[in-house]
Amino acid sequence: MNVRVTKVQKVLHGILEKFKTGDVPKAIAYALFPITETPSDKWSFMNRMIMFLSGTIDARGIRQWNKVGRYVKLGSKAIYILVPYFAKKKRLDDGEIETLRGFMAKPVFSVEDTEGEPLDYEKAASSLELPLLERAEELGITVSTTSPQLKFFGAYRAASKEIYLATPEEVVFFHELSHAAYDICISKLKPGQTWDQEIIAELSAQALCRLIGKKPNDTLGNSYRYIERYAEKAGLKPLTACLKVIDDVERVLNFILGKEVTKDVEHPVERTS
């Protein structure tokens, strides 16, 4: 079998496998609204999905990384995206036309597999002034900003312990920080947006706002609707859903605030590397 065809089939098979993990809905959302002013912003929807499913929000070819002063680390594994290839064909009038002959797999590398100069969207993170930002750093979590044109406000990537923010709102940062705390001190986050994880993060975020003296009155309605939506997915009323996760909310808050979190049989602690 042609090597080129084999690689393309491998890429497509990898996408199908991701459907089983529940990662695809989130990847679709991110692929629809990629970070602007990066090479992948011009990629096809399918290739952006491949990138997000590979665990990164920024991937480029070696020359593209070198152009911005970054270099691929030794031993890094490539991500393969699909690119068309064309063949020139002579016309009867001695002109030429290009025809699509098929697709080939092209290697790119994630930003996490590079080192060197900071990127524009990473530089913006240094200007963040958020309560509990130092606590995030203590936990080994990096916080960076993304383009405000993104249609999601924040995201937490457990694999690399990174929080991405598209808004300076404290409640959004607290929501993602709560996801991180759950992942570190209670149990590894499940793929996708599960009702319990989302409600725990939202309740914790609102509690943290009050604990640090903020009054996010303008976000309470949004938070309730957010909780209501996820409670409905579980077939529960909002209050019932909140009561079911309240113990984990307490654990998350205690962990973020530096208090000891006790283990129990129902929620063994799993620390991710």
C-alpha atoms as a PDB file:
ATOM      1  CA  MET A   1       0.000   0.000   0.000  1.00  0.00           C
ATOM      2  CA  ASN A   2       1.176   3.508  -0.804  1.00  0.00           C
ATOM      3  CA  VAL A   3       2.897   5.094   2.245  1.00  0.00           C
ATOM      4  CA  ARG A   4       1.051   8.361   1.648  1.00  0.00           C
ATOM      5  CA  VAL A   5      -2.331   6.601   1.671  1.00  0.00           C
ATOM      6  CA  THR A   6      -1.427   4.668   4.827  1.00  0.00           C
ATOM      7  CA  LYS A   7      -0.628   7.893   6.729  1.00  0.00           C
ATOM      8  CA  VAL A   8      -3.871   9.534   5.608  1.00  0.00           C
ATOM      9  CA  GLN A   9      -5.871   6.513   6.752  1.00  0.00           C
ATOM     10  CA  LYS A  10      -4.077   6.612  10.110  1.00  0.00           C
ATOM     11  CA  VAL A  11      -5.030  10.270  10.599  1.00  0.00           C
ATOM     12  CA  LEU A  12      -8.684   9.602   9.790  1.00  0.00           C
ATOM     13  CA  HIS A  13      -8.763   6.511  12.011  1.00  0.00           C
ATOM     14  CA  GLY A  14      -7.401   8.605  14.883  1.00  0.00           C
ATOM     15  CA  ILE A  15     -10.322  11.020  14.557  1.00  0.00           C
ATOM     16  CA  LEU A  16     -12.836   8.179  14.608  1.00  0.00           C
ATOM     17  CA  GLU A  17     -11.233   6.763  17.743  1.00  0.00           C
ATOM     18  CA  LYS A  18     -11.663  10.103  19.497  1.00  0.00           C
ATOM     19  CA  PHE A  19     -15.436   9.821  19.117  1.00  0.00           C
ATOM     20  CA  LYS A  20     -15.277   7.043  21.706  1.00  0.00           C
ATOM     21  CA  THR A  21     -13.602   9.275  24.306  1.00  0.00           C
ATOM     22  CA  GLY A  22     -16.122  12.123  24.215  1.00  0.00           C
ATOM     23  CA  ASP A  23     -13.467  14.649  23.153  1.00  0.00           C
ATOM     24  CA  VAL A  24     -15.038  15.457  19.804  1.00  0.00           C
ATOM     25  CA  PRO A  25     -17.782  17.943  20.874  1.00  0.00           C
ATOM     26  CA  LYS A  26     -15.241  20.168  22.630  1.00  0.00           C
ATOM     27  CA  ALA A  27     -12.827  19.905  19.707  1.00  0.00           C
ATOM     28  CA  ILE A  28     -15.593  20.935  17.319  1.00  0.00           C
ATOM     29  CA  ALA A  29     -16.318  24.014  19.431  1.00  0.00           C
ATOM     30  CA  TYR A  30     -12.644  25.027  19.488  1.00  0.00           C
ATOM     31  CA  ALA A  31     -12.182  24.266  15.788  1.00  0.00           C
ATOM     32  CA  LEU A  32     -15.052  26.595  14.922  1.00  0.00           C
ATOM     33  CA  PHE A  33     -13.379  29.479  16.743  1.00  0.00           C
ATOM     34  CA  PRO A  34      -9.589  29.040  16.557  1.00  0.00           C
ATOM     35  CA  ILE A  35      -6.981  31.436  17.916  1.00  0.00           C
ATOM     36  CA  THR A  36      -6.552  34.151  15.314  1.00  0.00           C
ATOM     37  CA  GLU A  37      -3.280  35.193  13.715  1.00  0.00           C
ATOM     38  CA  THR A  38      -1.737  31.726  13.890  1.00  0.00           C
ATOM     39  CA  PRO A  39      -1.092  29.515  10.851  1.00  0.00           C
ATOM     40  CA  SER A  40      -3.774  27.037  11.910  1.00  0.00           C
ATOM     41  CA  ASP A  41      -6.379  29.801  11.738  1.00  0.00           C
ATOM     42  CA  LYS A  42      -6.296  29.302   7.966  1.00  0.00           C
ATOM     43  CA  TRP A  43      -6.475  25.513   8.115  1.00  0.00           C
ATOM     44  CA  SER A  44      -9.522  23.525   7.150  1.00  0.00           C
ATOM     45  CA  PHE A  45     -12.080  22.701   9.815  1.00  0.00           C
ATOM     46  CA  MET A  46     -10.963  19.053   9.712  1.00  0.00           C
ATOM     47  CA  ASN A  47      -7.308  19.923  10.319  1.00  0.00           C
ATOM     48  CA  ARG A  48      -8.171  22.227  13.213  1.00  0.00           C
ATOM     49  CA  MET A  49     -10.127  19.346  14.734  1.00  0.00           C
ATOM     50  CA  ILE A  50      -7.114  17.064  14.293  1.00  0.00           C
ATOM     51  CA  MET A  51      -4.986  19.651  16.095  1.00  0.00           C
ATOM     52  CA  PHE A  52      -7.350  20.045  19.054  1.00  0.00           C
ATOM     53  CA  LEU A  53      -7.885  16.300  19.343  1.00  0.00           C
ATOM     54  CA  SER A  54      -4.097  15.965  19.510  1.00  0.00           C
ATOM     55  CA  GLY A  55      -4.124  18.089  22.666  1.00  0.00           C
ATOM     56  CA  THR A  56      -2.944  21.493  21.476  1.00  0.00           C
ATOM     57  CA  ILE A  57      -4.356  24.856  20.385  1.00  0.00           C
ATOM     58  CA  ASP A  58      -1.376  25.780  18.210  1.00  0.00           C
ATOM     59  CA  ALA A  59       0.551  23.562  15.792  1.00  0.00           C
ATOM     60  CA  ARG A  60       2.895  24.524  12.962  1.00  0.00           C
ATOM     61  CA  GLY A  61       5.517  23.155  10.619  1.00  0.00           C
ATOM     62  CA  ILE A  62       9.182  23.313  11.601  1.00  0.00           C
ATOM     63  CA  ARG A  63       9.922  26.304   9.361  1.00  0.00           C
ATOM     64  CA  GLN A  64       6.909  28.187  10.719  1.00  0.00           C
ATOM     65  CA  TRP A  65       8.145  27.657  14.283  1.00  0.00           C
ATOM     66  CA  ASN A  66      11.677  28.732  13.327  1.00  0.00           C
ATOM     67  CA  LYS A  67      10.276  31.901  11.760  1.00  0.00           C
ATOM     68  CA  VAL A  68       8.919  33.038  15.161  1.00  0.00           C
ATOM     69  CA  GLY A  69      12.081  32.063  17.029  1.00  0.00           C
ATOM     70  CA  ARG A  70      10.920  28.697  18.359  1.00  0.00           C
ATOM     71  CA  TYR A  71      12.444  25.273  17.773  1.00  0.00           C
ATOM     72  CA  VAL A  72      11.056  21.763  18.002  1.00  0.00           C
ATOM     73  CA  LYS A  73      12.411  19.783  20.940  1.00  0.00           C
ATOM     74  CA  LEU A  74      14.476  16.716  20.178  1.00  0.00           C
ATOM     75  CA  GLY A  75      12.397  13.535  20.129  1.00  0.00           C
ATOM     76  CA  SER A  76       9.048  15.291  19.652  1.00  0.00           C
ATOM     77  CA  LYS A  77       6.374  13.392  17.765  1.00  0.00           C
ATOM     78  CA  ALA A  78       4.627  15.047  14.858  1.00  0.00           C
ATOM     79  CA  ILE A  79       0.910  15.561  14.417  1.00  0.00           C
ATOM     80  CA  TYR A  80      -0.260  14.782  10.909  1.00  0.00           C
ATOM     81  CA  ILE A  81      -2.768  16.997   9.145  1.00  0.00           C
ATOM     82  CA  LEU A  82      -4.270  16.445   5.710  1.00  0.00           C
ATOM     83  CA  VAL A  83      -3.241  18.685   2.825  1.00  0.00           C
ATOM     84  CA  PRO A  84      -4.317  18.464  -0.815  1.00  0.00           C
ATOM     85  CA  TYR A  85      -1.835  17.887  -3.608  1.00  0.00           C
ATOM     86  CA  PHE A  86      -2.376  18.965  -7.188  1.00  0.00           C
ATOM     87  CA  ALA A  87      -1.018  17.912 -10.544  1.00  0.00           C
ATOM     88  CA  LYS A  88      -0.564  20.179 -13.540  1.00  0.00           C
ATOM     89  CA  LYS A  89      -2.164  19.025 -16.754  1.00  0.00           C
ATOM     90  CA  LYS A  90      -1.690  20.513 -20.208  1.00  0.00           C
ATOM     91  CA  ARG A  91      -4.707  21.795 -22.039  1.00  0.00           C
ATOM     92  CA  LEU A  92      -5.338  21.583 -25.756  1.00  0.00           C
ATOM     93  CA  ASP A  93      -4.532  25.301 -26.122  1.00  0.00           C
ATOM     94  CA  ASP A  94      -1.056  24.673 -24.633  1.00  0.00           C
ATOM     95  CA  GLY A  95      -2.108  26.144 -21.287  1.00  0.00           C
ATOM     96  CA  GLU A  96      -2.010  24.314 -17.953  1.00  0.00           C
ATOM     97  CA  ILE A  97      -4.607  23.535 -15.336  1.00  0.00           C
ATOM     98  CA  GLU A  98      -4.173  22.184 -11.836  1.00  0.00           C
ATOM     99  CA  THR A  99      -6.285  19.236 -10.790  1.00  0.00           C
ATOM    100  CA  LEU A 100      -6.734  17.825  -7.313  1.00  0.00           C
ATOM    101  CA  ARG A 101      -5.095  14.398  -7.179  1.00  0.00           C
ATOM    102  CA  GLY A 102      -5.733  13.561  -3.538  1.00  0.00           C
ATOM    103  CA  PHE A 103      -4.505  14.265  -0.027  1.00  0.00           C
ATOM    104  CA  MET A 104      -1.279  13.641   1.820  1.00  0.00           C
ATOM    105  CA  ALA A 105      -0.365  13.704   5.502  1.00  0.00           C
ATOM    106  CA  LYS A 106       1.839  16.642   6.488  1.00  0.00           C
ATOM    107  CA  PRO A 107       3.760  16.714   9.808  1.00  0.00           C
ATOM    108  CA  VAL A 108       3.311  19.641  12.189  1.00  0.00           C
ATOM    109  CA  PHE A 109       4.350  20.051  15.813  1.00  0.00           C
ATOM    110  CA  SER A 110       2.436  21.372  18.819  1.00  0.00           C
ATOM    111  CA  VAL A 111       3.503  24.482  20.687  1.00  0.00           C
ATOM    112  CA  GLU A 112       4.080  22.288  23.754  1.00  0.00           C
ATOM    113  CA  ASP A 113       6.830  20.477  21.827  1.00  0.00           C
ATOM    114  CA  THR A 114       8.714  23.686  21.066  1.00  0.00           C
ATOM    115  CA  GLU A 115      10.923  26.076  23.000  1.00  0.00           C
ATOM    116  CA  GLY A 116      12.259  29.551  22.352  1.00  0.00           C
ATOM    117  CA  GLU A 117      10.768  33.011  22.062  1.00  0.00           C
ATOM    118  CA  PRO A 118       7.368  33.704  23.697  1.00  0.00           C
ATOM    119  CA  LEU A 119       4.433  33.969  21.343  1.00  0.00           C
ATOM    120  CA  ASP A 120       2.197  37.024  21.065  1.00  0.00           C
ATOM    121  CA  TYR A 121      -0.718  35.394  22.863  1.00  0.00           C
ATOM    122  CA  GLU A 122       1.631  34.189  25.631  1.00  0.00           C
ATOM    123  CA  LYS A 123       3.075  37.658  26.151  1.00  0.00           C
ATOM    124  CA  ALA A 124      -0.391  38.950  26.969  1.00  0.00           C
ATOM    125  CA  ALA A 125      -0.547  36.641  29.971  1.00  0.00           C
ATOM    126  CA  SER A 126       2.074  38.689  31.814  1.00  0.00           C
ATOM    127  CA  SER A 127      -0.371  41.601  32.029  1.00  0.00           C
ATOM    128  CA  LEU A 128      -3.017  39.545  33.811  1.00  0.00           C
ATOM    129  CA  GLU A 129      -3.967  40.778  37.257  1.00  0.00           C
ATOM    130  CA  LEU A 130      -6.152  38.100  38.761  1.00  0.00           C
ATOM    131  CA  PRO A 131      -6.770  37.097  42.372  1.00  0.00           C
ATOM    132  CA  LEU A 132      -5.359  33.633  43.126  1.00  0.00           C
ATOM    133  CA  LEU A 133      -3.059  33.754  40.095  1.00  0.00           C
ATOM    134  CA  GLU A 134      -0.145  33.029  42.431  1.00  0.00           C
ATOM    135  CA  ARG A 135      -2.000  29.977  43.761  1.00  0.00           C
ATOM    136  CA  ALA A 136      -2.331  28.660  40.216  1.00  0.00           C
ATOM    137  CA  GLU A 137       1.411  29.096  39.727  1.00  0.00           C
ATOM    138  CA  GLU A 138       2.081  27.250  43.018  1.00  0.00           C
ATOM    139  CA  LEU A 139       0.112  24.313  41.621  1.00  0.00           C
ATOM    140  CA  GLY A 140       2.216  24.308  38.464  1.00  0.00           C
ATOM    141  CA  ILE A 141      -0.601  25.692  36.318  1.00  0.00           C
ATOM    142  CA  THR A 142       0.252  28.185  33.603  1.00  0.00           C
ATOM    143  CA  VAL A 143      -2.308  30.849  32.715  1.00  0.00           C
ATOM    144  CA  SER A 144      -2.329  32.568  29.351  1.00  0.00           C
ATOM    145  CA  THR A 145      -4.699  34.661  27.323  1.00  0.00           C
ATOM    146  CA  THR A 146      -6.140  33.827  23.932  1.00  0.00           C
ATOM    147  CA  SER A 147      -7.727  36.040  21.324  1.00  0.00           C
ATOM    148  CA  PRO A 148     -10.888  37.788  22.584  1.00  0.00           C
ATOM    149  CA  GLN A 149     -12.473  36.734  19.294  1.00  0.00           C
ATOM    150  CA  LEU A 150     -12.760  33.198  20.610  1.00  0.00           C
ATOM    151  CA  LYS A 151     -16.315  32.146  21.388  1.00  0.00           C
ATOM    152  CA  PHE A 152     -15.400  30.355  24.599  1.00  0.00           C
ATOM    153  CA  PHE A 153     -14.396  32.348  27.651  1.00  0.00           C
ATOM    154  CA  GLY A 154     -11.944  29.928  29.198  1.00  0.00           C
ATOM    155  CA  ALA A 155     -10.513  26.430  28.999  1.00  0.00           C
ATOM    156  CA  TYR A 156      -8.392  24.133  31.142  1.00  0.00           C
ATOM    157  CA  ARG A 157      -6.108  21.533  29.579  1.00  0.00           C
ATOM    158  CA  ALA A 158      -5.368  18.818  32.128  1.00  0.00           C
ATOM    159  CA  ALA A 159      -2.643  17.161  30.059  1.00  0.00           C
ATOM    160  CA  SER A 160      -0.374  20.215  30.209  1.00  0.00           C
ATOM    161  CA  LYS A 161      -1.921  21.934  33.257  1.00  0.00           C
ATOM    162  CA  GLU A 162      -2.755  25.117  31.343  1.00  0.00           C
ATOM    163  CA  ILE A 163      -5.600  27.595  31.666  1.00  0.00           C
ATOM    164  CA  TYR A 164      -6.541  29.678  28.620  1.00  0.00           C
ATOM    165  CA  LEU A 165      -8.608  32.822  29.104  1.00  0.00           C
ATOM    166  CA  ALA A 166     -10.379  34.961  26.524  1.00  0.00           C
ATOM    167  CA  THR A 167     -11.717  37.412  29.121  1.00  0.00           C
ATOM    168  CA  PRO A 168     -10.289  39.170  32.215  1.00  0.00           C
ATOM    169  CA  GLU A 169     -13.382  38.265  34.271  1.00  0.00           C
ATOM    170  CA  GLU A 170     -12.370  36.704  37.595  1.00  0.00           C
ATOM    171  CA  VAL A 171     -15.325  34.306  37.610  1.00  0.00           C
ATOM    172  CA  VAL A 172     -14.108  32.693  34.366  1.00  0.00           C
ATOM    173  CA  PHE A 173     -10.599  32.248  35.771  1.00  0.00           C
ATOM    174  CA  PHE A 174     -12.042  30.799  38.979  1.00  0.00           C
ATOM    175  CA  HIS A 175     -14.170  28.356  36.967  1.00  0.00           C
ATOM    176  CA  GLU A 176     -11.120  27.008  35.124  1.00  0.00           C
ATOM    177  CA  LEU A 177      -8.997  27.041  38.296  1.00  0.00           C
ATOM    178  CA  SER A 178     -11.705  24.945  39.957  1.00  0.00           C
ATOM    179  CA  HIS A 179     -11.514  22.423  37.115  1.00  0.00           C
ATOM    180  CA  ALA A 180      -7.764  22.253  37.686  1.00  0.00           C
ATOM    181  CA  ALA A 181      -8.181  21.802  41.448  1.00  0.00           C
ATOM    182  CA  TYR A 182     -10.680  18.981  40.909  1.00  0.00           C
ATOM    183  CA  ASP A 183      -8.301  17.292  38.486  1.00  0.00           C
ATOM    184  CA  ILE A 184      -5.389  17.491  40.922  1.00  0.00           C
ATOM    185  CA  CYS A 185      -6.975  16.857  44.310  1.00  0.00           C
ATOM    186  CA  ILE A 186     -10.089  14.761  43.690  1.00  0.00           C
ATOM    187  CA  SER A 187     -10.094  12.775  40.470  1.00  0.00           C
ATOM    188  CA  LYS A 188      -8.874  13.028  36.915  1.00  0.00           C
ATOM    189  CA  LEU A 189     -11.250  15.075  34.799  1.00  0.00           C
ATOM    190  CA  LYS A 190     -13.489  13.070  32.502  1.00  0.00           C
ATOM    191  CA  PRO A 191     -13.369  13.942  28.783  1.00  0.00           C
ATOM    192  CA  GLY A 192     -15.884  16.458  27.565  1.00  0.00           C
ATOM    193  CA  GLN A 193     -18.164  18.645  29.667  1.00  0.00           C
ATOM    194  CA  THR A 194     -19.931  16.401  32.166  1.00  0.00           C
ATOM    195  CA  TRP A 195     -22.762  17.815  34.263  1.00  0.00           C
ATOM    196  CA  ASP A 196     -21.131  17.245  37.654  1.00  0.00           C
ATOM    197  CA  GLN A 197     -17.727  18.670  36.727  1.00  0.00           C
ATOM    198  CA  GLU A 198     -19.271  21.792  35.215  1.00  0.00           C
ATOM    199  CA  ILE A 199     -21.583  22.459  38.160  1.00  0.00           C
ATOM    200  CA  ILE A 200     -18.741  21.920  40.653  1.00  0.00           C
ATOM    201  CA  ALA A 201     -16.584  24.424  38.758  1.00  0.00           C
ATOM    202  CA  GLU A 202     -19.350  27.016  38.479  1.00  0.00           C
ATOM    203  CA  LEU A 203     -20.407  26.780  42.132  1.00  0.00           C
ATOM    204  CA  SER A 204     -16.774  26.961  43.230  1.00  0.00           C
ATOM    205  CA  ALA A 205     -16.176  29.998  41.013  1.00  0.00           C
ATOM    206  CA  GLN A 206     -19.098  31.905  42.507  1.00  0.00           C
ATOM    207  CA  ALA A 207     -17.991  30.979  46.033  1.00  0.00           C
ATOM    208  CA  LEU A 208     -14.436  32.166  45.335  1.00  0.00           C
ATOM    209  CA  CYS A 209     -15.759  35.502  44.107  1.00  0.00           C
ATOM    210  CA  ARG A 210     -17.385  36.039  47.465  1.00  0.00           C
ATOM    211  CA  LEU A 211     -14.454  34.711  49.480  1.00  0.00           C
ATOM    212  CA  ILE A 212     -12.110  37.283  47.948  1.00  0.00           C
ATOM    213  CA  GLY A 213     -14.633  40.104  48.322  1.00  0.00           C
ATOM    214  CA  LYS A 214     -15.900  40.318  44.747  1.00  0.00           C
ATOM    215  CA  LYS A 215     -19.594  40.830  44.032  1.00  0.00           C
ATOM    216  CA  PRO A 216     -20.322  39.208  40.664  1.00  0.00           C
ATOM    217  CA  ASN A 217     -24.019  40.114  40.765  1.00  0.00           C
ATOM    218  CA  ASP A 218     -24.090  40.578  37.009  1.00  0.00           C
ATOM    219  CA  THR A 219     -22.920  36.992  36.467  1.00  0.00           C
ATOM    220  CA  LEU A 220     -25.290  35.249  38.859  1.00  0.00           C
ATOM    221  CA  GLY A 221     -28.023  34.923  36.273  1.00  0.00           C
ATOM    222  CA  ASN A 222     -25.595  33.440  33.772  1.00  0.00           C
ATOM    223  CA  SER A 223     -24.271  31.034  36.404  1.00  0.00           C
ATOM    224  CA  TYR A 224     -27.750  29.847  37.308  1.00  0.00           C
ATOM    225  CA  ARG A 225     -28.633  29.242  33.675  1.00  0.00           C
ATOM    226  CA  TYR A 226     -25.323  27.444  33.217  1.00  0.00           C
ATOM    227  CA  ILE A 227     -26.031  25.160  36.197  1.00  0.00           C
ATOM    228  CA  GLU A 228     -29.646  24.701  35.127  1.00  0.00           C
ATOM    229  CA  ARG A 229     -28.561  23.557  31.674  1.00  0.00           C
ATOM    230  CA  TYR A 230     -26.151  20.934  33.011  1.00  0.00           C
ATOM    231  CA  ALA A 231     -28.588  19.781  35.689  1.00  0.00           C
ATOM    232  CA  GLU A 232     -31.178  19.230  32.974  1.00  0.00           C
ATOM    233  CA  LYS A 233     -28.706  17.004  31.118  1.00  0.00           C
ATOM    234  CA  ALA A 234     -28.544  14.819  34.221  1.00  0.00           C
ATOM    235  CA  GLY A 235     -32.326  14.808  34.617  1.00  0.00           C
ATOM    236  CA  LEU A 236     -32.075  16.804  37.842  1.00  0.00           C
ATOM    237  CA  LYS A 237     -33.408  20.068  39.218  1.00  0.00           C
ATOM    238  CA  PRO A 238     -30.687  22.696  39.751  1.00  0.00           C
ATOM    239  CA  LEU A 239     -30.893  22.555  43.547  1.00  0.00           C
ATOM    240  CA  THR A 240     -30.748  18.746  43.599  1.00  0.00           C
ATOM    241  CA  ALA A 241     -27.744  18.766  41.262  1.00  0.00           C
ATOM    242  CA  CYS A 242     -25.939  21.306  43.453  1.00  0.00           C
ATOM    243  CA  LEU A 243     -26.587  19.265  46.603  1.00  0.00           C
ATOM    244  CA  LYS A 244     -25.197  16.150  44.926  1.00  0.00           C
ATOM    245  CA  VAL A 245     -21.836  17.821  44.277  1.00  0.00           C
ATOM    246  CA  ILE A 246     -21.590  20.112  47.303  1.00  0.00           C
ATOM    247  CA  ASP A 247     -19.012  17.900  49.069  1.00  0.00           C
ATOM    248  CA  ASP A 248     -16.714  18.091  46.071  1.00  0.00           C
ATOM    249  CA  VAL A 249     -17.209  21.845  45.895  1.00  0.00           C
ATOM    250  CA  GLU A 250     -15.966  22.056  49.488  1.00  0.00           C
ATOM    251  CA  ARG A 251     -12.907  19.931  48.624  1.00  0.00           C
ATOM    252  CA  VAL A 252     -12.112  22.085  45.612  1.00  0.00           C
ATOM    253  CA  LEU A 253     -12.385  25.317  47.597  1.00  0.00           C
ATOM    254  CA  ASN A 254     -10.281  23.987  50.453  1.00  0.00           C
ATOM    255  CA  PHE A 255      -7.599  22.860  48.032  1.00  0.00           C
ATOM    256  CA  ILE A 256      -7.478  26.189  46.199  1.00  0.00           C
ATOM    257  CA  LEU A 257      -7.305  28.056  49.498  1.00  0.00           C
ATOM    258  CA  GLY A 258      -4.439  25.877  50.682  1.00  0.00           C
ATOM    259  CA  LYS A 259      -6.307  23.732  53.197  1.00  0.00           C
ATOM    260  CA  GLU A 260      -5.808  19.993  53.535  1.00  0.00           C
ATOM    261  CA  VAL A 261      -8.168  17.862  51.464  1.00  0.00           C
ATOM    262  CA  THR A 262      -9.155  14.510  52.944  1.00  0.00           C
ATOM    263  CA  LYS A 263      -9.419  11.398  50.837  1.00  0.00           C
ATOM    264  CA  ASP A 264     -12.373   9.081  50.882  1.00  0.00           C
ATOM    265  CA  VAL A 265     -13.371   5.842  49.227  1.00  0.00           C
ATOM    266  CA  GLU A 266     -15.798   7.418  46.799  1.00  0.00           C
ATOM    267  CA  HIS A 267     -13.328   9.986  45.451  1.00  0.00           C
ATOM    268  CA  PRO A 268      -9.769   8.668  45.532  1.00  0.00           C
ATOM    269  CA  VAL A 269      -7.147  11.333  44.905  1.00  0.00           C
ATOM    270  CA  GLU A 270      -5.375  10.982  41.566  1.00  0.00           C
ATOM    271  CA  ARG A 271      -2.555  13.388  40.861  1.00  0.00           C
ATOM    272  CA  THR A 272      -1.798  13.854  37.206  1.00  0.00           C
ATOM    273  CA  SER A 273       1.726  14.234  35.977  1.00  0.00           C
END
